N, C-alpha and C. Protein backbone atom coordinates (compact mmCIF):
# COMPACT_ATOMS: atom_id res chain seq x y z
N MET A 1 74.68 63.23 61.76
CA MET A 1 75.88 62.81 61.07
C MET A 1 77.07 62.96 62.02
N SER A 2 78.09 62.20 61.73
CA SER A 2 79.32 62.31 62.50
C SER A 2 80.49 61.93 61.63
N LYS A 3 81.67 62.36 62.04
CA LYS A 3 82.90 61.99 61.36
C LYS A 3 83.84 61.41 62.39
N ARG A 4 84.41 60.27 62.06
CA ARG A 4 85.33 59.58 62.97
C ARG A 4 86.76 59.98 62.66
N TYR A 5 87.52 60.32 63.70
CA TYR A 5 88.90 60.77 63.53
C TYR A 5 89.92 59.81 64.15
N GLU A 6 89.74 59.48 65.40
CA GLU A 6 90.70 58.65 66.15
C GLU A 6 92.12 59.23 66.07
N GLU A 7 92.22 60.55 66.34
CA GLU A 7 93.50 61.24 66.36
C GLU A 7 93.92 61.50 67.80
N PRO A 8 95.22 61.43 68.08
CA PRO A 8 95.70 61.69 69.45
C PRO A 8 95.39 63.12 69.89
N ILE A 9 95.04 63.26 71.17
CA ILE A 9 94.78 64.58 71.76
C ILE A 9 95.42 64.63 73.14
N ASP A 10 95.59 65.84 73.64
CA ASP A 10 95.99 66.06 75.03
C ASP A 10 94.74 66.49 75.80
N VAL A 11 94.57 65.95 77.00
CA VAL A 11 93.38 66.22 77.79
C VAL A 11 93.77 66.80 79.14
N GLU A 12 93.05 67.84 79.56
CA GLU A 12 93.22 68.44 80.88
C GLU A 12 92.12 67.91 81.79
N THR A 13 92.52 67.34 82.94
CA THR A 13 91.55 66.79 83.88
C THR A 13 91.78 67.35 85.27
N THR A 14 90.72 67.35 86.07
CA THR A 14 90.78 67.70 87.47
C THR A 14 89.95 66.68 88.24
N ASP A 15 90.58 65.95 89.13
CA ASP A 15 89.89 64.94 89.94
C ASP A 15 89.05 63.98 89.09
N GLY A 16 89.59 63.53 87.95
CA GLY A 16 88.89 62.58 87.09
C GLY A 16 87.88 63.21 86.14
N SER A 17 87.66 64.50 86.24
CA SER A 17 86.71 65.19 85.37
C SER A 17 87.47 65.85 84.22
N VAL A 18 86.96 65.73 83.01
CA VAL A 18 87.60 66.33 81.83
C VAL A 18 87.23 67.81 81.76
N ASP A 19 88.25 68.67 81.75
CA ASP A 19 88.04 70.12 81.71
C ASP A 19 88.19 70.69 80.30
N ALA A 20 89.17 70.17 79.55
CA ALA A 20 89.46 70.69 78.22
C ALA A 20 90.31 69.66 77.47
N PHE A 21 90.39 69.84 76.15
CA PHE A 21 91.30 69.02 75.37
C PHE A 21 91.91 69.85 74.25
N TRP A 22 93.06 69.41 73.78
CA TRP A 22 93.79 70.07 72.70
C TRP A 22 93.77 69.16 71.49
N TRP A 23 93.32 69.71 70.35
CA TRP A 23 93.27 68.95 69.11
C TRP A 23 93.68 69.86 67.96
N ARG A 24 94.67 69.41 67.19
CA ARG A 24 95.17 70.16 66.03
C ARG A 24 95.54 71.59 66.39
N GLY A 25 96.19 71.74 67.54
CA GLY A 25 96.69 73.04 67.97
C GLY A 25 95.66 73.97 68.59
N LYS A 26 94.43 73.51 68.75
CA LYS A 26 93.40 74.35 69.34
C LYS A 26 92.91 73.75 70.66
N ARG A 27 92.58 74.63 71.58
CA ARG A 27 92.06 74.19 72.88
C ARG A 27 90.53 74.24 72.87
N TYR A 28 89.92 73.18 73.35
CA TYR A 28 88.46 73.06 73.41
C TYR A 28 88.06 72.97 74.88
N GLN A 29 87.28 73.92 75.34
CA GLN A 29 86.81 73.98 76.72
C GLN A 29 85.54 73.14 76.86
N VAL A 30 85.53 72.20 77.78
CA VAL A 30 84.36 71.36 77.99
C VAL A 30 83.30 72.16 78.73
N ARG A 31 82.11 72.20 78.17
CA ARG A 31 80.99 72.89 78.81
C ARG A 31 80.13 71.91 79.60
N GLN A 32 80.01 70.67 79.09
CA GLN A 32 79.17 69.68 79.77
C GLN A 32 79.54 68.28 79.28
N VAL A 33 79.60 67.33 80.22
CA VAL A 33 79.73 65.92 79.86
C VAL A 33 78.32 65.40 79.64
N LEU A 34 78.05 64.89 78.44
CA LEU A 34 76.71 64.44 78.09
C LEU A 34 76.47 62.98 78.49
N CYS A 35 77.46 62.13 78.30
CA CYS A 35 77.38 60.74 78.73
C CYS A 35 78.76 60.09 78.59
N ARG A 36 78.90 58.93 79.20
CA ARG A 36 80.16 58.18 79.10
C ARG A 36 79.85 56.70 79.20
N TRP A 37 80.68 55.90 78.51
CA TRP A 37 80.52 54.46 78.54
C TRP A 37 81.85 53.79 78.22
N ARG A 38 81.89 52.49 78.42
CA ARG A 38 83.09 51.70 78.13
C ARG A 38 82.77 50.66 77.07
N GLU A 39 83.74 50.44 76.19
CA GLU A 39 83.64 49.40 75.18
C GLU A 39 84.85 48.49 75.32
N ALA A 40 84.61 47.20 75.20
CA ALA A 40 85.70 46.23 75.29
C ALA A 40 85.58 45.24 74.14
N GLY A 41 86.70 44.94 73.52
CA GLY A 41 86.73 43.94 72.46
C GLY A 41 87.73 42.86 72.84
N GLY A 42 87.52 41.67 72.38
CA GLY A 42 88.41 40.57 72.70
C GLY A 42 88.16 39.94 74.05
N TRP A 43 87.13 40.41 74.77
CA TRP A 43 86.84 39.90 76.11
C TRP A 43 86.47 38.42 76.07
N TRP A 44 85.92 37.97 74.95
CA TRP A 44 85.47 36.59 74.84
C TRP A 44 86.64 35.60 74.84
N SER A 45 87.85 36.07 74.53
CA SER A 45 89.00 35.16 74.51
C SER A 45 89.85 35.27 75.78
N SER A 46 89.41 36.09 76.72
CA SER A 46 90.14 36.28 77.97
C SER A 46 89.96 35.07 78.88
N THR A 47 91.06 34.57 79.40
CA THR A 47 90.98 33.45 80.34
C THR A 47 91.61 33.80 81.68
N GLU A 48 92.36 34.89 81.73
CA GLU A 48 93.11 35.22 82.93
C GLU A 48 92.33 36.04 83.95
N ASP A 49 91.76 37.14 83.52
CA ASP A 49 91.16 38.10 84.44
C ASP A 49 89.75 38.44 83.97
N ALA A 50 88.81 37.57 84.23
CA ALA A 50 87.45 37.69 83.69
C ALA A 50 86.75 38.98 84.11
N ASP A 51 87.06 39.53 85.27
CA ASP A 51 86.38 40.75 85.71
C ASP A 51 87.07 42.02 85.20
N ARG A 52 88.19 41.90 84.47
CA ARG A 52 88.88 43.04 83.86
C ARG A 52 89.26 42.70 82.41
N PRO A 53 88.28 42.63 81.50
CA PRO A 53 88.54 42.18 80.13
C PRO A 53 89.46 43.10 79.34
N TRP A 54 89.56 44.36 79.73
CA TRP A 54 90.39 45.30 78.99
C TRP A 54 91.87 44.96 79.07
N LEU A 55 92.27 44.11 80.01
CA LEU A 55 93.68 43.75 80.11
C LEU A 55 94.14 42.86 78.97
N SER A 56 93.23 42.13 78.34
CA SER A 56 93.64 41.23 77.27
C SER A 56 93.21 41.70 75.89
N GLY A 57 92.15 42.45 75.77
CA GLY A 57 91.66 42.91 74.48
C GLY A 57 91.66 44.42 74.41
N ASP A 58 91.05 44.94 73.38
CA ASP A 58 90.90 46.38 73.24
C ASP A 58 89.83 46.87 74.21
N ALA A 59 90.08 47.97 74.84
CA ALA A 59 89.08 48.54 75.73
C ALA A 59 89.30 50.04 75.84
N ARG A 60 88.19 50.76 75.84
CA ARG A 60 88.29 52.21 75.96
C ARG A 60 87.06 52.75 76.66
N GLU A 61 87.26 53.89 77.28
CA GLU A 61 86.16 54.66 77.83
C GLU A 61 85.89 55.78 76.84
N ILE A 62 84.64 55.97 76.47
CA ILE A 62 84.27 57.04 75.55
C ILE A 62 83.42 58.04 76.31
N ILE A 63 83.76 59.32 76.12
CA ILE A 63 83.05 60.40 76.80
C ILE A 63 82.51 61.35 75.74
N ARG A 64 81.19 61.51 75.72
CA ARG A 64 80.56 62.46 74.80
C ARG A 64 80.42 63.78 75.54
N ILE A 65 80.94 64.83 74.92
CA ILE A 65 80.97 66.13 75.59
C ILE A 65 80.47 67.24 74.68
N ASP A 66 80.00 68.29 75.30
CA ASP A 66 79.69 69.54 74.63
C ASP A 66 80.88 70.45 74.93
N ALA A 67 81.54 70.92 73.88
CA ALA A 67 82.75 71.74 74.08
C ALA A 67 82.76 72.90 73.09
N ILE A 68 83.53 73.92 73.45
CA ILE A 68 83.65 75.08 72.58
C ILE A 68 85.13 75.31 72.29
N PRO A 69 85.48 75.48 71.00
CA PRO A 69 86.87 75.79 70.66
C PRO A 69 87.20 77.22 71.09
N ILE A 70 88.21 77.34 71.95
CA ILE A 70 88.54 78.64 72.54
C ILE A 70 89.25 79.56 71.54
N THR A 71 90.14 79.02 70.74
CA THR A 71 91.01 79.86 69.92
C THR A 71 90.50 80.17 68.53
N SER A 72 89.35 79.62 68.11
CA SER A 72 88.93 79.85 66.73
C SER A 72 87.65 80.66 66.59
N GLY A 73 86.91 80.88 67.68
CA GLY A 73 85.67 81.64 67.61
C GLY A 73 84.51 80.86 67.01
N ARG A 74 84.67 79.56 66.81
CA ARG A 74 83.61 78.73 66.25
C ARG A 74 82.56 78.43 67.32
N ALA A 75 81.41 77.96 66.87
CA ALA A 75 80.31 77.61 67.77
C ALA A 75 80.63 76.33 68.54
N PRO A 76 79.98 76.12 69.68
CA PRO A 76 80.16 74.87 70.43
C PRO A 76 79.76 73.67 69.57
N GLY A 77 80.30 72.51 69.93
CA GLY A 77 79.97 71.29 69.21
C GLY A 77 79.94 70.10 70.15
N THR A 78 79.57 68.95 69.60
CA THR A 78 79.54 67.72 70.36
C THR A 78 80.67 66.82 69.88
N TYR A 79 81.46 66.36 70.82
CA TYR A 79 82.66 65.57 70.53
C TYR A 79 82.65 64.31 71.38
N GLU A 80 83.23 63.25 70.84
CA GLU A 80 83.47 62.04 71.62
C GLU A 80 84.97 61.84 71.71
N ILE A 81 85.45 61.82 72.95
CA ILE A 81 86.87 61.55 73.18
C ILE A 81 86.97 60.19 73.85
N SER A 82 88.07 59.50 73.62
CA SER A 82 88.20 58.17 74.22
C SER A 82 89.56 58.03 74.90
N ARG A 83 89.55 57.22 75.94
CA ARG A 83 90.79 56.93 76.70
C ARG A 83 91.00 55.42 76.66
N ASP A 84 92.17 55.03 76.19
CA ASP A 84 92.55 53.62 76.17
C ASP A 84 92.73 53.16 77.62
N LEU A 85 92.00 52.14 78.04
CA LEU A 85 92.05 51.71 79.43
C LEU A 85 93.30 50.90 79.76
N ARG A 86 94.06 50.52 78.75
CA ARG A 86 95.31 49.79 79.01
C ARG A 86 96.48 50.73 79.20
N ASN A 87 96.57 51.76 78.36
CA ASN A 87 97.76 52.63 78.44
C ASN A 87 97.44 54.09 78.76
N GLY A 88 96.16 54.45 78.85
CA GLY A 88 95.78 55.82 79.23
C GLY A 88 95.82 56.83 78.12
N ALA A 89 96.13 56.44 76.88
CA ALA A 89 96.22 57.38 75.77
C ALA A 89 94.83 57.91 75.39
N TRP A 90 94.76 59.20 75.08
CA TRP A 90 93.51 59.86 74.70
C TRP A 90 93.46 60.07 73.19
N THR A 91 92.27 59.97 72.60
CA THR A 91 92.06 60.27 71.20
C THR A 91 90.75 61.03 71.03
N LEU A 92 90.70 61.85 69.98
CA LEU A 92 89.42 62.41 69.57
C LEU A 92 88.78 61.32 68.72
N PHE A 93 87.74 60.72 69.21
CA PHE A 93 87.13 59.58 68.57
C PHE A 93 86.19 60.01 67.45
N ARG A 94 85.32 60.97 67.73
CA ARG A 94 84.30 61.34 66.76
C ARG A 94 83.83 62.77 67.02
N VAL A 95 83.45 63.46 65.92
CA VAL A 95 82.82 64.78 66.00
C VAL A 95 81.42 64.63 65.43
N LEU A 96 80.41 65.03 66.19
CA LEU A 96 79.01 64.90 65.76
C LEU A 96 78.49 66.23 65.25
N ASP A 97 77.70 66.17 64.21
CA ASP A 97 77.10 67.38 63.63
C ASP A 97 75.78 67.68 64.29
């Protein structure tokens, strides 16, 4: 099971690697990146830049991570965070049970 949130988050990175993120006032330390992929929508209507479809439609990179909330004492969990490839904004996309 999973729950979709799509809420804004702050992300800490080092050399392109995600180290931690902040969600609802709590810091989550990344223990492991499990996988990552990109999704693009609207690419079929792009006529300008065929090799970069995210410039005309919706596009995001999604990273599935194993993370532990530092400030609450809860158990580690699996989270999907996403980065908008047009403007760089980060969101907590989904929490998996």
